[in-house]
Amino acid sequence: MAIVRVTAFLLLATLSLGCAAAPFAVRLGAERIALDTPPGFADTLDLGSPRLLELAEALTSASNRILVFALTDADLRRFTLGDTPELHRYLLVATPRAAERDHMSPERFRAFAAESLRGRGNPVQPPDIRKQLDAQPQGRATLLWELRRAPDAVSILEGTRLPMKPDAKPHYLLSTTTLLLLRGKAISVAAFTVLRDDADADWLRAATERWVDDLLRLNAR
């Protein structure tokens, strides 16, 4: 049994590295959209796991088609070996089903982005994330920063104090939502991290910026 587990571990590590190194394409209508995951992450949809799919579906609207749900390579190894993933960081890419076969103009994309982010308020840009989230009700998302606003990309960073039992230590979740216009298709890109220290917030901002730039570059005509 130990040999089987070690073999599975090495095989999965090899597959994960291969997935991280090579972009892949998904067809939306007549277009093929190039997607990729940041280094250290691997898509899980090909596993066909109902458990992982249920988690991914909880992160986005039921009207969206999920294109990528990526875990860290370490979490994917844990899951494949039957252990519980830590889910400290994970990624999601989706597209609205109703529009996936249509060509979206820049004007329509701007309207789509404005409607999708309506009601988020203004970014508070807090000097202390925890203090800002502690002042909000549990479970309420707070817009912390706007990371990008361009004709083909709008990106925000939000934070949430997670619901906990009374007197339990607070837990916080940070996430970025980026709406992209890729080859005439509206794509929603999201990254999540548990906030343990300031390095997690720094990672989230930097990883989102690099990932968005990579996706725009891969789909440039």
C-alpha atoms as a PDB file:
ATOM      1  CA  MET A   1       0.000   0.000   0.000  1.00  0.00           C
ATOM      2  CA  ALA A   2       2.885   2.377   0.812  1.00  0.00           C
ATOM      3  CA  ILE A   3       4.384   1.753  -2.628  1.00  0.00           C
ATOM      4  CA  VAL A   4       1.044   2.507  -4.278  1.00  0.00           C
ATOM      5  CA  ARG A   5       0.715   5.778  -2.348  1.00  0.00           C
ATOM      6  CA  VAL A   6       4.243   6.875  -3.230  1.00  0.00           C
ATOM      7  CA  THR A   7       3.708   6.005  -6.889  1.00  0.00           C
ATOM      8  CA  ALA A   8       0.440   7.960  -6.964  1.00  0.00           C
ATOM      9  CA  PHE A   9       2.145  10.908  -5.293  1.00  0.00           C
ATOM     10  CA  LEU A  10       4.967  10.993  -7.866  1.00  0.00           C
ATOM     11  CA  LEU A  11       2.587  10.539 -10.782  1.00  0.00           C
ATOM     12  CA  LEU A  12       0.337  13.361  -9.598  1.00  0.00           C
ATOM     13  CA  ALA A  13       3.320  15.646  -9.029  1.00  0.00           C
ATOM     14  CA  THR A  14       4.437  15.033 -12.599  1.00  0.00           C
ATOM     15  CA  LEU A  15       0.961  15.670 -13.988  1.00  0.00           C
ATOM     16  CA  SER A  16       0.568  18.847 -11.921  1.00  0.00           C
ATOM     17  CA  LEU A  17       3.840  20.268 -13.176  1.00  0.00           C
ATOM     18  CA  GLY A  18       2.832  19.492 -16.734  1.00  0.00           C
ATOM     19  CA  CYS A  19      -0.528  21.225 -16.344  1.00  0.00           C
ATOM     20  CA  ALA A  20       1.046  24.302 -14.797  1.00  0.00           C
ATOM     21  CA  ALA A  21       3.542  24.611 -17.661  1.00  0.00           C
ATOM     22  CA  ALA A  22       1.138  24.511 -20.587  1.00  0.00           C
ATOM     23  CA  PRO A  23      -1.842  26.742 -21.382  1.00  0.00           C
ATOM     24  CA  PHE A  24      -4.979  25.019 -22.629  1.00  0.00           C
ATOM     25  CA  ALA A  25      -7.975  26.093 -24.693  1.00  0.00           C
ATOM     26  CA  VAL A  26     -11.723  26.006 -24.133  1.00  0.00           C
ATOM     27  CA  ARG A  27     -14.262  26.566 -26.869  1.00  0.00           C
ATOM     28  CA  LEU A  28     -16.921  29.221 -26.328  1.00  0.00           C
ATOM     29  CA  GLY A  29     -19.135  29.427 -29.369  1.00  0.00           C
ATOM     30  CA  ALA A  30     -16.879  29.920 -32.382  1.00  0.00           C
ATOM     31  CA  GLU A  31     -13.922  31.101 -30.293  1.00  0.00           C
ATOM     32  CA  ARG A  32     -11.168  29.171 -28.556  1.00  0.00           C
ATOM     33  CA  ILE A  33     -10.122  30.929 -25.360  1.00  0.00           C
ATOM     34  CA  ALA A  34      -6.637  30.240 -24.019  1.00  0.00           C
ATOM     35  CA  LEU A  35      -6.510  29.675 -20.262  1.00  0.00           C
ATOM     36  CA  ASP A  36      -3.743  28.967 -17.811  1.00  0.00           C
ATOM     37  CA  THR A  37      -3.233  28.731 -14.063  1.00  0.00           C
ATOM     38  CA  PRO A  38      -0.525  30.512 -12.077  1.00  0.00           C
ATOM     39  CA  PRO A  39       2.561  28.500 -11.065  1.00  0.00           C
ATOM     40  CA  GLY A  40       1.828  26.144  -8.207  1.00  0.00           C
ATOM     41  CA  PHE A  41      -1.828  25.576  -9.152  1.00  0.00           C
ATOM     42  CA  ALA A  42      -3.548  22.864 -11.192  1.00  0.00           C
ATOM     43  CA  ASP A  43      -7.053  22.634 -12.624  1.00  0.00           C
ATOM     44  CA  THR A  44      -9.255  19.937 -11.079  1.00  0.00           C
ATOM     45  CA  LEU A  45     -12.224  19.726 -13.462  1.00  0.00           C
ATOM     46  CA  ASP A  46     -10.792  16.749 -15.347  1.00  0.00           C
ATOM     47  CA  LEU A  47     -10.881  14.754 -12.108  1.00  0.00           C
ATOM     48  CA  GLY A  48     -14.690  14.682 -12.335  1.00  0.00           C
ATOM     49  CA  SER A  49     -14.981  14.908  -8.561  1.00  0.00           C
ATOM     50  CA  PRO A  50     -18.532  15.738  -7.374  1.00  0.00           C
ATOM     51  CA  ARG A  51     -17.036  17.041  -4.119  1.00  0.00           C
ATOM     52  CA  LEU A  52     -14.744  19.531  -5.848  1.00  0.00           C
ATOM     53  CA  LEU A  53     -17.422  20.514  -8.350  1.00  0.00           C
ATOM     54  CA  GLU A  54     -19.838  21.246  -5.508  1.00  0.00           C
ATOM     55  CA  LEU A  55     -17.255  23.513  -3.898  1.00  0.00           C
ATOM     56  CA  ALA A  56     -16.608  25.311  -7.174  1.00  0.00           C
ATOM     57  CA  GLU A  57     -20.322  25.821  -7.801  1.00  0.00           C
ATOM     58  CA  ALA A  58     -20.689  27.428  -4.372  1.00  0.00           C
ATOM     59  CA  LEU A  59     -18.219  30.131  -5.444  1.00  0.00           C
ATOM     60  CA  THR A  60     -20.099  31.418  -8.470  1.00  0.00           C
ATOM     61  CA  SER A  61     -23.595  31.992  -9.805  1.00  0.00           C
ATOM     62  CA  ALA A  62     -25.580  29.017 -11.060  1.00  0.00           C
ATOM     63  CA  SER A  63     -25.966  30.914 -14.334  1.00  0.00           C
ATOM     64  CA  ASN A  64     -22.210  30.625 -14.965  1.00  0.00           C
ATOM     65  CA  ARG A  65     -20.302  27.829 -16.650  1.00  0.00           C
ATOM     66  CA  ILE A  66     -17.201  26.888 -14.692  1.00  0.00           C
ATOM     67  CA  LEU A  67     -14.103  26.685 -16.878  1.00  0.00           C
ATOM     68  CA  VAL A  68     -11.388  26.220 -14.250  1.00  0.00           C
ATOM     69  CA  PHE A  69     -11.349  25.287 -10.584  1.00  0.00           C
ATOM     70  CA  ALA A  70      -7.741  25.110  -9.485  1.00  0.00           C
ATOM     71  CA  LEU A  71      -6.172  24.007  -6.223  1.00  0.00           C
ATOM     72  CA  THR A  72      -2.576  24.375  -5.156  1.00  0.00           C
ATOM     73  CA  ASP A  73      -0.415  21.456  -6.222  1.00  0.00           C
ATOM     74  CA  ALA A  74      -0.081  20.482  -2.553  1.00  0.00           C
ATOM     75  CA  ASP A  75      -3.853  20.447  -2.030  1.00  0.00           C
ATOM     76  CA  LEU A  76      -4.394  18.448  -5.204  1.00  0.00           C
ATOM     77  CA  ARG A  77      -1.929  15.833  -3.967  1.00  0.00           C
ATOM     78  CA  ARG A  78      -3.701  15.698  -0.606  1.00  0.00           C
ATOM     79  CA  PHE A  79      -7.088  15.246  -2.280  1.00  0.00           C
ATOM     80  CA  THR A  80      -5.897  12.545  -4.655  1.00  0.00           C
ATOM     81  CA  LEU A  81      -4.319  10.608  -1.805  1.00  0.00           C
ATOM     82  CA  GLY A  82      -7.562  10.747   0.170  1.00  0.00           C
ATOM     83  CA  ASP A  83      -6.505  13.473   2.598  1.00  0.00           C
ATOM     84  CA  THR A  84      -8.396  16.701   3.280  1.00  0.00           C
ATOM     85  CA  PRO A  85      -7.138  19.719   1.289  1.00  0.00           C
ATOM     86  CA  GLU A  86      -6.187  22.752   3.349  1.00  0.00           C
ATOM     87  CA  LEU A  87      -7.916  25.113   0.864  1.00  0.00           C
ATOM     88  CA  HIS A  88      -5.757  28.008   1.939  1.00  0.00           C
ATOM     89  CA  ARG A  89      -5.719  29.267  -1.664  1.00  0.00           C
ATOM     90  CA  TYR A  90      -7.770  28.344  -4.743  1.00  0.00           C
ATOM     91  CA  LEU A  91      -8.823  29.778  -8.115  1.00  0.00           C
ATOM     92  CA  LEU A  92     -11.944  29.872 -10.276  1.00  0.00           C
ATOM     93  CA  VAL A  93     -12.635  30.864 -13.894  1.00  0.00           C
ATOM     94  CA  ALA A  94     -16.205  31.039 -15.227  1.00  0.00           C
ATOM     95  CA  THR A  95     -18.279  32.577 -18.004  1.00  0.00           C
ATOM     96  CA  PRO A  96     -21.996  33.472 -18.205  1.00  0.00           C
ATOM     97  CA  ARG A  97     -23.805  30.633 -19.981  1.00  0.00           C
ATOM     98  CA  ALA A  98     -26.294  32.983 -21.628  1.00  0.00           C
ATOM     99  CA  ALA A  99     -23.528  34.870 -23.432  1.00  0.00           C
ATOM    100  CA  GLU A 100     -20.916  32.207 -24.124  1.00  0.00           C
ATOM    101  CA  ARG A 101     -21.935  31.785 -27.792  1.00  0.00           C
ATOM    102  CA  ASP A 102     -22.325  35.506 -28.478  1.00  0.00           C
ATOM    103  CA  HIS A 103     -19.672  38.024 -29.414  1.00  0.00           C
ATOM    104  CA  MET A 104     -19.499  40.729 -26.751  1.00  0.00           C
ATOM    105  CA  SER A 105     -18.556  44.212 -27.914  1.00  0.00           C
ATOM    106  CA  PRO A 106     -16.424  46.516 -25.722  1.00  0.00           C
ATOM    107  CA  GLU A 107     -19.523  48.643 -25.072  1.00  0.00           C
ATOM    108  CA  ARG A 108     -21.544  45.623 -23.971  1.00  0.00           C
ATOM    109  CA  PHE A 109     -18.642  44.431 -21.818  1.00  0.00           C
ATOM    110  CA  ARG A 110     -18.533  47.752 -19.976  1.00  0.00           C
ATOM    111  CA  ALA A 111     -22.248  47.454 -19.254  1.00  0.00           C
ATOM    112  CA  PHE A 112     -21.808  43.829 -18.171  1.00  0.00           C
ATOM    113  CA  ALA A 113     -18.955  44.735 -15.810  1.00  0.00           C
ATOM    114  CA  ALA A 114     -20.877  47.660 -14.315  1.00  0.00           C
ATOM    115  CA  GLU A 115     -23.938  45.492 -13.689  1.00  0.00           C
ATOM    116  CA  SER A 116     -21.887  42.607 -12.273  1.00  0.00           C
ATOM    117  CA  LEU A 117     -20.117  44.851  -9.746  1.00  0.00           C
ATOM    118  CA  ARG A 118     -23.101  47.022  -8.913  1.00  0.00           C
ATOM    119  CA  GLY A 119     -23.703  47.579  -5.218  1.00  0.00           C
ATOM    120  CA  ARG A 120     -20.127  46.835  -4.122  1.00  0.00           C
ATOM    121  CA  GLY A 121     -19.620  50.425  -2.944  1.00  0.00           C
ATOM    122  CA  ASN A 122     -16.350  52.315  -3.062  1.00  0.00           C
ATOM    123  CA  PRO A 123     -12.981  50.767  -2.167  1.00  0.00           C
ATOM    124  CA  VAL A 124     -12.051  51.631   1.416  1.00  0.00           C
ATOM    125  CA  GLN A 125      -8.280  51.049   0.998  1.00  0.00           C
ATOM    126  CA  PRO A 126      -7.784  50.257   4.699  1.00  0.00           C
ATOM    127  CA  PRO A 127      -4.399  50.597   6.420  1.00  0.00           C
ATOM    128  CA  ASP A 128      -5.341  47.560   8.537  1.00  0.00           C
ATOM    129  CA  ILE A 129      -7.411  44.857   6.821  1.00  0.00           C
ATOM    130  CA  ARG A 130      -8.350  42.991   9.984  1.00  0.00           C
ATOM    131  CA  LYS A 131      -9.594  46.085  11.780  1.00  0.00           C
ATOM    132  CA  GLN A 132     -11.666  47.001   8.745  1.00  0.00           C
ATOM    133  CA  LEU A 133     -13.252  43.547   8.509  1.00  0.00           C
ATOM    134  CA  ASP A 134     -13.773  43.282  12.270  1.00  0.00           C
ATOM    135  CA  ALA A 135     -15.968  46.382  12.032  1.00  0.00           C
ATOM    136  CA  GLN A 136     -18.258  44.647   9.519  1.00  0.00           C
ATOM    137  CA  PRO A 137     -20.901  41.977  10.130  1.00  0.00           C
ATOM    138  CA  GLN A 138     -19.718  38.405   9.754  1.00  0.00           C
ATOM    139  CA  GLY A 139     -20.119  37.098   6.232  1.00  0.00           C
ATOM    140  CA  ARG A 140     -20.412  40.521   4.567  1.00  0.00           C
ATOM    141  CA  ALA A 141     -17.983  41.131   1.702  1.00  0.00           C
ATOM    142  CA  THR A 142     -16.199  44.487   1.840  1.00  0.00           C
ATOM    143  CA  LEU A 143     -14.615  46.116  -1.204  1.00  0.00           C
ATOM    144  CA  LEU A 144     -11.047  46.865  -0.136  1.00  0.00           C
ATOM    145  CA  TRP A 145      -9.234  47.885  -3.333  1.00  0.00           C
ATOM    146  CA  GLU A 146      -9.863  48.375  -7.016  1.00  0.00           C
ATOM    147  CA  LEU A 147      -6.885  46.772  -8.742  1.00  0.00           C
ATOM    148  CA  ARG A 148      -7.594  47.572 -12.373  1.00  0.00           C
ATOM    149  CA  ARG A 149     -10.052  49.432 -14.571  1.00  0.00           C
ATOM    150  CA  ALA A 150      -9.402  49.161 -18.300  1.00  0.00           C
ATOM    151  CA  PRO A 151     -11.572  48.668 -21.403  1.00  0.00           C
ATOM    152  CA  ASP A 152     -10.943  44.909 -21.329  1.00  0.00           C
ATOM    153  CA  ALA A 153     -10.365  44.283 -17.613  1.00  0.00           C
ATOM    154  CA  VAL A 154     -11.936  45.316 -14.318  1.00  0.00           C
ATOM    155  CA  SER A 155     -10.499  43.891 -11.104  1.00  0.00           C
ATOM    156  CA  ILE A 156     -11.383  44.323  -7.430  1.00  0.00           C
ATOM    157  CA  LEU A 157     -10.181  42.867  -4.114  1.00  0.00           C
ATOM    158  CA  GLU A 158     -12.678  42.099  -1.343  1.00  0.00           C
ATOM    159  CA  GLY A 159     -12.462  40.749   2.185  1.00  0.00           C
ATOM    160  CA  THR A 160     -14.861  38.884   4.461  1.00  0.00           C
ATOM    161  CA  ARG A 161     -14.830  37.992   8.140  1.00  0.00           C
ATOM    162  CA  LEU A 162     -16.070  34.437   8.097  1.00  0.00           C
ATOM    163  CA  PRO A 163     -18.937  33.357  10.369  1.00  0.00           C
ATOM    164  CA  MET A 164     -17.534  31.663  13.473  1.00  0.00           C
ATOM    165  CA  LYS A 165     -18.793  30.321  16.778  1.00  0.00           C
ATOM    166  CA  PRO A 166     -18.986  32.812  19.660  1.00  0.00           C
ATOM    167  CA  ASP A 167     -15.605  33.510  21.283  1.00  0.00           C
ATOM    168  CA  ALA A 168     -13.760  31.711  18.454  1.00  0.00           C
ATOM    169  CA  LYS A 169     -10.723  33.310  16.850  1.00  0.00           C
ATOM    170  CA  PRO A 170     -11.758  35.371  13.796  1.00  0.00           C
ATOM    171  CA  HIS A 171     -11.009  33.984  10.337  1.00  0.00           C
ATOM    172  CA  TYR A 172     -10.793  36.112   7.216  1.00  0.00           C
ATOM    173  CA  LEU A 173     -11.071  35.379   3.510  1.00  0.00           C
ATOM    174  CA  LEU A 174      -9.705  37.646   0.778  1.00  0.00           C
ATOM    175  CA  SER A 175     -10.703  37.325  -2.851  1.00  0.00           C
ATOM    176  CA  THR A 176     -10.209  39.074  -6.153  1.00  0.00           C
ATOM    177  CA  THR A 177     -12.805  39.212  -8.898  1.00  0.00           C
ATOM    178  CA  THR A 178     -11.605  40.166 -12.358  1.00  0.00           C
ATOM    179  CA  LEU A 179     -13.880  40.521 -15.366  1.00  0.00           C
ATOM    180  CA  LEU A 180     -12.055  40.136 -18.667  1.00  0.00           C
ATOM    181  CA  LEU A 181     -13.026  40.579 -22.306  1.00  0.00           C
ATOM    182  CA  LEU A 182     -11.109  37.838 -24.114  1.00  0.00           C
ATOM    183  CA  ARG A 183     -11.675  37.486 -27.849  1.00  0.00           C
ATOM    184  CA  GLY A 184     -15.187  38.849 -27.503  1.00  0.00           C
ATOM    185  CA  LYS A 185     -16.085  36.658 -24.507  1.00  0.00           C
ATOM    186  CA  ALA A 186     -16.781  37.740 -20.946  1.00  0.00           C
ATOM    187  CA  ILE A 187     -14.621  35.777 -18.518  1.00  0.00           C
ATOM    188  CA  SER A 188     -14.734  35.989 -14.718  1.00  0.00           C
ATOM    189  CA  VAL A 189     -11.465  35.195 -12.961  1.00  0.00           C
ATOM    190  CA  ALA A 190     -11.371  34.820  -9.175  1.00  0.00           C
ATOM    191  CA  ALA A 191      -8.592  34.070  -6.706  1.00  0.00           C
ATOM    192  CA  PHE A 192      -9.064  33.297  -3.004  1.00  0.00           C
ATOM    193  CA  THR A 193      -6.774  33.181   0.015  1.00  0.00           C
ATOM    194  CA  VAL A 194      -7.280  32.819   3.729  1.00  0.00           C
ATOM    195  CA  LEU A 195      -5.797  35.854   5.479  1.00  0.00           C
ATOM    196  CA  ARG A 196      -3.237  34.728   8.022  1.00  0.00           C
ATOM    197  CA  ASP A 197      -0.812  37.641   7.717  1.00  0.00           C
ATOM    198  CA  ASP A 198      -0.020  40.559   5.424  1.00  0.00           C
ATOM    199  CA  ALA A 199       1.910  38.294   3.076  1.00  0.00           C
ATOM    200  CA  ASP A 200      -1.363  36.661   2.019  1.00  0.00           C
ATOM    201  CA  ALA A 201      -2.825  39.988   0.903  1.00  0.00           C
ATOM    202  CA  ASP A 202       0.404  40.852  -0.919  1.00  0.00           C
ATOM    203  CA  TRP A 203       0.389  37.460  -2.643  1.00  0.00           C
ATOM    204  CA  LEU A 204      -3.234  37.846  -3.732  1.00  0.00           C
ATOM    205  CA  ARG A 205      -2.693  41.240  -5.329  1.00  0.00           C
ATOM    206  CA  ALA A 206       0.518  40.242  -7.106  1.00  0.00           C
ATOM    207  CA  ALA A 207      -0.779  36.842  -8.255  1.00  0.00           C
ATOM    208  CA  THR A 208      -3.973  38.369  -9.622  1.00  0.00           C
ATOM    209  CA  GLU A 209      -2.085  41.043 -11.555  1.00  0.00           C
ATOM    210  CA  ARG A 210       0.289  38.493 -13.107  1.00  0.00           C
ATOM    211  CA  TRP A 211      -2.497  36.039 -13.916  1.00  0.00           C
ATOM    212  CA  VAL A 212      -4.642  38.694 -15.588  1.00  0.00           C
ATOM    213  CA  ASP A 213      -1.691  39.932 -17.626  1.00  0.00           C
ATOM    214  CA  ASP A 214      -0.919  36.360 -18.722  1.00  0.00           C
ATOM    215  CA  LEU A 215      -4.518  35.705 -19.810  1.00  0.00           C
ATOM    216  CA  LEU A 216      -4.674  38.951 -21.767  1.00  0.00           C
ATOM    217  CA  ARG A 217      -1.364  38.123 -23.437  1.00  0.00           C
ATOM    218  CA  LEU A 218      -2.415  34.559 -24.308  1.00  0.00           C
ATOM    219  CA  ASN A 219      -5.586  35.819 -25.977  1.00  0.00           C
ATOM    220  CA  ALA A 220      -4.154  38.856 -27.776  1.00  0.00           C
ATOM    221  CA  ARG A 221      -4.917  38.799 -31.481  1.00  0.00           C
END
